[in-house]
Amino acid sequence: KEEEREELAKEELLSDNSGWFSEFVHDDA
């Protein structure tokens, strides 16, 4: 389901060490 996909994606982003999380926290938003 969409909600399951979103939760998995959030977990992966929070665990990421390849630069994606760093980009997220430095995003203009």
All heavy atoms as atom14 arrays in JSON, in Angstrom:
{
  "sequence": "KEEEREELAKEELLSDNSGWFSEFVHDDA",
  "atom14_mask": [
    [1, 1, 1, 1, 1, 1, 1, 1, 1, 0, 0, 0, 0, 0],
    [1, 1, 1, 1, 1, 1, 1, 1, 1, 0, 0, 0, 0, 0],
    [1, 1, 1, 1, 1, 1, 1, 1, 1, 0, 0, 0, 0, 0],
    [1, 1, 1, 1, 1, 1, 1, 1, 1, 0, 0, 0, 0, 0],
    [1, 1, 1, 1, 1, 1, 1, 1, 1, 1, 1, 0, 0, 0],
    [1, 1, 1, 1, 1, 1, 1, 1, 1, 0, 0, 0, 0, 0],
    [1, 1, 1, 1, 1, 1, 1, 1, 1, 0, 0, 0, 0, 0],
    [1, 1, 1, 1, 1, 1, 1, 1, 0, 0, 0, 0, 0, 0],
    [1, 1, 1, 1, 1, 0, 0, 0, 0, 0, 0, 0, 0, 0],
    [1, 1, 1, 1, 1, 1, 1, 1, 1, 0, 0, 0, 0, 0],
    [1, 1, 1, 1, 1, 1, 1, 1, 1, 0, 0, 0, 0, 0],
    [1, 1, 1, 1, 1, 1, 1, 1, 1, 0, 0, 0, 0, 0],
    [1, 1, 1, 1, 1, 1, 1, 1, 0, 0, 0, 0, 0, 0],
    [1, 1, 1, 1, 1, 1, 1, 1, 0, 0, 0, 0, 0, 0],
    [1, 1, 1, 1, 1, 1, 0, 0, 0, 0, 0, 0, 0, 0],
    [1, 1, 1, 1, 1, 1, 1, 1, 0, 0, 0, 0, 0, 0],
    [1, 1, 1, 1, 1, 1, 1, 1, 0, 0, 0, 0, 0, 0],
    [1, 1, 1, 1, 1, 1, 0, 0, 0, 0, 0, 0, 0, 0],
    [1, 1, 1, 1, 0, 0, 0, 0, 0, 0, 0, 0, 0, 0],
    [1, 1, 1, 1, 1, 1, 1, 1, 1, 1, 1, 1, 1, 1],
    [1, 1, 1, 1, 1, 1, 1, 1, 1, 1, 1, 0, 0, 0],
    [1, 1, 1, 1, 1, 1, 0, 0, 0, 0, 0, 0, 0, 0],
    [1, 1, 1, 1, 1, 1, 1, 1, 1, 0, 0, 0, 0, 0],
    [1, 1, 1, 1, 1, 1, 1, 1, 1, 1, 1, 0, 0, 0],
    [1, 1, 1, 1, 1, 1, 1, 0, 0, 0, 0, 0, 0, 0],
    [1, 1, 1, 1, 1, 1, 1, 1, 1, 1, 0, 0, 0, 0],
    [1, 1, 1, 1, 1, 1, 1, 1, 0, 0, 0, 0, 0, 0],
    [1, 1, 1, 1, 1, 1, 1, 1, 0, 0, 0, 0, 0, 0],
    [1, 1, 1, 1, 1, 0, 0, 0, 0, 0, 0, 0, 0, 0]
  ],
  "atom14_positions": [
    [[0.86, -1.18, 0.0], [0.0, 0.0, 0.0], [0.9, 1.24, 0.0], [2.07, 1.18, 0.4], [-0.89, 0.01, 1.24], [-1.88, -1.13, 1.28], [-2.66, -1.07, 2.58], [-3.56, -2.28, 2.7], [-4.18, -2.37, 4.02], [0.0, 0.0, 0.0], [0.0, 0.0, 0.0], [0.0, 0.0, 0.0], [0.0, 0.0, 0.0], [0.0, 0.0, 0.0]],
    [[0.35, 2.35, -0.41], [1.1, 3.61, -0.45], [1.7, 3.94, 0.91], [2.86, 4.36, 1.0], [0.18, 4.74, -0.92], [0.88, 6.06, -1.13], [1.79, 6.1, -2.35], [1.66, 5.23, -3.23], [2.64, 7.0, -2.41], [0.0, 0.0, 0.0], [0.0, 0.0, 0.0], [0.0, 0.0, 0.0], [0.0, 0.0, 0.0], [0.0, 0.0, 0.0]],
    [[0.94, 3.74, 1.97], [1.43, 4.06, 3.32], [2.61, 3.17, 3.7], [3.56, 3.63, 4.33], [0.31, 3.87, 4.36], [-0.88, 4.77, 4.18], [-1.89, 4.25, 3.16], [-1.94, 3.02, 2.9], [-2.61, 5.07, 2.59], [0.0, 0.0, 0.0], [0.0, 0.0, 0.0], [0.0, 0.0, 0.0], [0.0, 0.0, 0.0], [0.0, 0.0, 0.0]],
    [[2.56, 1.91, 3.31], [3.66, 0.99, 3.59], [4.91, 1.4, 2.82], [6.02, 1.36, 3.37], [3.27, -0.44, 3.2], [2.16, -1.03, 4.03], [1.64, -2.34, 3.47], [1.42, -2.44, 2.25], [1.47, -3.27, 4.28], [0.0, 0.0, 0.0], [0.0, 0.0, 0.0], [0.0, 0.0, 0.0], [0.0, 0.0, 0.0], [0.0, 0.0, 0.0]],
    [[4.73, 1.78, 1.58], [5.86, 2.2, 0.76], [6.5, 3.45, 1.35], [7.73, 3.58, 1.41], [5.4, 2.48, -0.68], [4.9, 1.23, -1.39], [4.29, 1.53, -2.75], [5.28, 2.15, -3.61], [5.04, 3.22, -4.38], [3.86, 3.77, -4.42], [6.0, 3.72, -5.12], [0.0, 0.0, 0.0], [0.0, 0.0, 0.0], [0.0, 0.0, 0.0]],
    [[5.67, 4.38, 1.81], [6.19, 5.62, 2.4], [6.96, 5.32, 3.69], [8.05, 5.87, 3.9], [5.05, 6.6, 2.68], [5.53, 7.92, 3.24], [4.41, 8.93, 3.42], [3.29, 8.72, 2.92], [4.68, 9.95, 4.06], [0.0, 0.0, 0.0], [0.0, 0.0, 0.0], [0.0, 0.0, 0.0], [0.0, 0.0, 0.0], [0.0, 0.0, 0.0]],
    [[6.44, 4.48, 4.54], [7.13, 4.13, 5.79], [8.47, 3.46, 5.51], [9.47, 3.76, 6.17], [6.25, 3.25, 6.67], [5.12, 4.0, 7.35], [5.58, 5.22, 8.12], [6.52, 5.11, 8.94], [5.01, 6.31, 7.9], [0.0, 0.0, 0.0], [0.0, 0.0, 0.0], [0.0, 0.0, 0.0], [0.0, 0.0, 0.0], [0.0, 0.0, 0.0]],
    [[8.51, 2.55, 4.54], [9.78, 1.91, 4.17], [10.78, 2.93, 3.65], [11.96, 2.89, 3.99], [9.53, 0.82, 3.12], [8.83, -0.44, 3.62], [8.42, -1.33, 2.44], [9.73, -1.2, 4.58], [0.0, 0.0, 0.0], [0.0, 0.0, 0.0], [0.0, 0.0, 0.0], [0.0, 0.0, 0.0], [0.0, 0.0, 0.0], [0.0, 0.0, 0.0]],
    [[10.3, 3.85, 2.85], [11.18, 4.89, 2.29], [11.74, 5.78, 3.39], [12.94, 6.12, 3.39], [10.42, 5.73, 1.27], [0.0, 0.0, 0.0], [0.0, 0.0, 0.0], [0.0, 0.0, 0.0], [0.0, 0.0, 0.0], [0.0, 0.0, 0.0], [0.0, 0.0, 0.0], [0.0, 0.0, 0.0], [0.0, 0.0, 0.0], [0.0, 0.0, 0.0]],
    [[10.93, 6.15, 4.36], [11.38, 6.99, 5.47], [12.46, 6.26, 6.27], [13.48, 6.86, 6.64], [10.21, 7.35, 6.37], [9.25, 8.33, 5.76], [8.03, 8.39, 6.66], [7.23, 9.61, 6.57], [6.1, 9.62, 7.52], [0.0, 0.0, 0.0], [0.0, 0.0, 0.0], [0.0, 0.0, 0.0], [0.0, 0.0, 0.0], [0.0, 0.0, 0.0]],
    [[12.23, 4.99, 6.56], [13.22, 4.19, 7.29], [14.54, 4.15, 6.54], [15.61, 4.29, 7.14], [12.7, 2.77, 7.52], [11.56, 2.67, 8.5], [10.94, 1.28, 8.54], [11.58, 0.31, 8.06], [9.81, 1.15, 9.05], [0.0, 0.0, 0.0], [0.0, 0.0, 0.0], [0.0, 0.0, 0.0], [0.0, 0.0, 0.0], [0.0, 0.0, 0.0]],
    [[14.46, 3.94, 5.23], [15.68, 3.87, 4.41], [16.4, 5.21, 4.39], [17.63, 5.26, 4.49], [15.35, 3.42, 2.99], [14.97, 1.97, 2.89], [16.09, 1.03, 3.28], [17.24, 1.27, 2.88], [15.82, 0.07, 4.02], [0.0, 0.0, 0.0], [0.0, 0.0, 0.0], [0.0, 0.0, 0.0], [0.0, 0.0, 0.0], [0.0, 0.0, 0.0]],
    [[15.66, 6.3, 4.26], [16.29, 7.62, 4.23], [16.97, 7.91, 5.57], [18.11, 8.4, 5.59], [15.26, 8.71, 3.9], [15.79, 10.14, 3.88], [16.94, 10.31, 2.88], [14.66, 11.12, 3.56], [0.0, 0.0, 0.0], [0.0, 0.0, 0.0], [0.0, 0.0, 0.0], [0.0, 0.0, 0.0], [0.0, 0.0, 0.0], [0.0, 0.0, 0.0]],
    [[16.32, 7.6, 6.67], [16.93, 7.84, 7.99], [18.17, 6.98, 8.22], [19.05, 7.35, 8.99], [15.9, 7.58, 9.09], [14.81, 8.63, 9.22], [13.77, 8.19, 10.24], [15.38, 9.99, 9.58], [0.0, 0.0, 0.0], [0.0, 0.0, 0.0], [0.0, 0.0, 0.0], [0.0, 0.0, 0.0], [0.0, 0.0, 0.0], [0.0, 0.0, 0.0]],
    [[18.26, 5.84, 7.55], [19.41, 4.95, 7.69], [20.49, 5.2, 6.65], [21.57, 4.61, 6.73], [18.95, 3.49, 7.57], [18.02, 3.19, 8.57], [0.0, 0.0, 0.0], [0.0, 0.0, 0.0], [0.0, 0.0, 0.0], [0.0, 0.0, 0.0], [0.0, 0.0, 0.0], [0.0, 0.0, 0.0], [0.0, 0.0, 0.0], [0.0, 0.0, 0.0]],
    [[20.22, 6.06, 5.71], [21.13, 6.27, 4.57], [22.44, 6.91, 5.01], [22.47, 7.84, 5.81], [20.45, 7.18, 3.54], [21.41, 7.55, 2.42], [21.76, 6.64, 1.64], [21.82, 8.71, 2.36], [0.0, 0.0, 0.0], [0.0, 0.0, 0.0], [0.0, 0.0, 0.0], [0.0, 0.0, 0.0], [0.0, 0.0, 0.0], [0.0, 0.0, 0.0]],
    [[23.53, 6.4, 4.45], [24.86, 6.97, 4.68], [25.55, 7.34, 3.37], [26.75, 7.58, 3.35], [25.74, 5.98, 5.45], [25.31, 5.85, 6.88], [25.1, 6.85, 7.56], [25.15, 4.63, 7.35], [0.0, 0.0, 0.0], [0.0, 0.0, 0.0], [0.0, 0.0, 0.0], [0.0, 0.0, 0.0], [0.0, 0.0, 0.0], [0.0, 0.0, 0.0]],
    [[24.79, 7.37, 2.29], [25.4, 7.65, 0.98], [25.24, 9.1, 0.55], [25.66, 9.46, -0.53], [24.78, 6.73, -0.08], [23.42, 7.06, -0.29], [0.0, 0.0, 0.0], [0.0, 0.0, 0.0], [0.0, 0.0, 0.0], [0.0, 0.0, 0.0], [0.0, 0.0, 0.0], [0.0, 0.0, 0.0], [0.0, 0.0, 0.0], [0.0, 0.0, 0.0]],
    [[24.66, 9.94, 1.4], [24.53, 11.36, 1.07], [23.11, 11.85, 0.91], [22.85, 13.06, 0.95], [0.0, 0.0, 0.0], [0.0, 0.0, 0.0], [0.0, 0.0, 0.0], [0.0, 0.0, 0.0], [0.0, 0.0, 0.0], [0.0, 0.0, 0.0], [0.0, 0.0, 0.0], [0.0, 0.0, 0.0], [0.0, 0.0, 0.0], [0.0, 0.0, 0.0]],
    [[22.17, 10.95, 0.73], [20.77, 11.37, 0.53], [20.2, 12.03, 1.78], [19.52, 13.05, 1.7], [19.9, 10.18, 0.11], [20.13, 9.79, -1.31], [21.03, 8.88, -1.78], [19.47, 10.32, -2.46], [20.96, 8.81, -3.14], [20.01, 9.69, -3.59], [18.48, 11.28, -2.64], [19.58, 9.97, -4.88], [18.05, 11.55, -3.92], [18.61, 10.91, -5.03]],
    [[20.48, 11.47, 2.97], [19.97, 12.08, 4.2], [20.62, 13.45, 4.42], [19.96, 14.41, 4.8], [20.19, 11.19, 5.42], [19.63, 11.79, 6.67], [18.26, 11.8, 6.9], [20.46, 12.38, 7.61], [17.73, 12.38, 8.04], [19.93, 12.96, 8.75], [18.57, 12.96, 8.97], [0.0, 0.0, 0.0], [0.0, 0.0, 0.0], [0.0, 0.0, 0.0]],
    [[21.9, 13.53, 4.15], [22.6, 14.81, 4.28], [21.97, 15.86, 3.36], [21.77, 17.01, 3.76], [24.07, 14.62, 3.94], [24.76, 15.84, 4.02], [0.0, 0.0, 0.0], [0.0, 0.0, 0.0], [0.0, 0.0, 0.0], [0.0, 0.0, 0.0], [0.0, 0.0, 0.0], [0.0, 0.0, 0.0], [0.0, 0.0, 0.0], [0.0, 0.0, 0.0]],
    [[21.65, 15.46, 2.15], [20.99, 16.38, 1.22], [19.62, 16.79, 1.74], [19.21, 17.93, 1.61], [20.86, 15.75, -0.17], [22.18, 15.61, -0.9], [22.78, 16.96, -1.27], [22.02, 17.89, -1.64], [24.01, 17.09, -1.19], [0.0, 0.0, 0.0], [0.0, 0.0, 0.0], [0.0, 0.0, 0.0], [0.0, 0.0, 0.0], [0.0, 0.0, 0.0]],
    [[18.9, 15.84, 2.33], [17.57, 16.13, 2.88], [17.66, 17.22, 3.94], [16.89, 18.18, 3.92], [16.94, 14.85, 3.46], [15.67, 15.1, 4.22], [14.48, 15.37, 3.54], [15.65, 15.05, 5.61], [13.3, 15.6, 4.25], [14.47, 15.26, 6.31], [13.31, 15.54, 5.63], [0.0, 0.0, 0.0], [0.0, 0.0, 0.0], [0.0, 0.0, 0.0]],
    [[18.59, 17.08, 4.9], [18.66, 18.07, 5.98], [19.27, 19.4, 5.54], [19.14, 20.39, 6.24], [19.4, 17.54, 7.24], [18.68, 16.35, 7.82], [20.85, 17.25, 6.97], [0.0, 0.0, 0.0], [0.0, 0.0, 0.0], [0.0, 0.0, 0.0], [0.0, 0.0, 0.0], [0.0, 0.0, 0.0], [0.0, 0.0, 0.0], [0.0, 0.0, 0.0]],
    [[19.89, 19.42, 4.37], [20.43, 20.67, 3.85], [19.58, 21.24, 2.72], [19.95, 22.24, 2.11], [21.88, 20.47, 3.39], [22.8, 20.23, 4.53], [23.15, 18.96, 4.93], [23.39, 21.07, 5.41], [23.95, 19.05, 5.98], [24.09, 20.3, 6.3], [0.0, 0.0, 0.0], [0.0, 0.0, 0.0], [0.0, 0.0, 0.0], [0.0, 0.0, 0.0]],
    [[18.45, 20.62, 2.46], [17.52, 21.12, 1.45], [16.96, 22.47, 1.9], [16.82, 22.74, 3.09], [16.39, 20.1, 1.26], [15.49, 20.48, 0.1], [15.97, 20.38, -1.06], [14.34, 20.88, 0.34], [0.0, 0.0, 0.0], [0.0, 0.0, 0.0], [0.0, 0.0, 0.0], [0.0, 0.0, 0.0], [0.0, 0.0, 0.0], [0.0, 0.0, 0.0]],
    [[16.64, 23.31, 0.94], [16.11, 24.64, 1.24], [14.91, 24.61, 2.18], [14.71, 25.54, 2.97], [15.7, 25.37, -0.04], [16.91, 25.78, -0.88], [18.03, 25.8, -0.35], [16.71, 26.07, -2.07], [0.0, 0.0, 0.0], [0.0, 0.0, 0.0], [0.0, 0.0, 0.0], [0.0, 0.0, 0.0], [0.0, 0.0, 0.0], [0.0, 0.0, 0.0]],
    [[14.11, 23.56, 2.12], [12.88, 23.48, 2.92], [13.14, 23.47, 4.42], [12.31, 23.95, 5.19], [12.06, 22.26, 2.52], [0.0, 0.0, 0.0], [0.0, 0.0, 0.0], [0.0, 0.0, 0.0], [0.0, 0.0, 0.0], [0.0, 0.0, 0.0], [0.0, 0.0, 0.0], [0.0, 0.0, 0.0], [0.0, 0.0, 0.0], [0.0, 0.0, 0.0]]
  ]
}
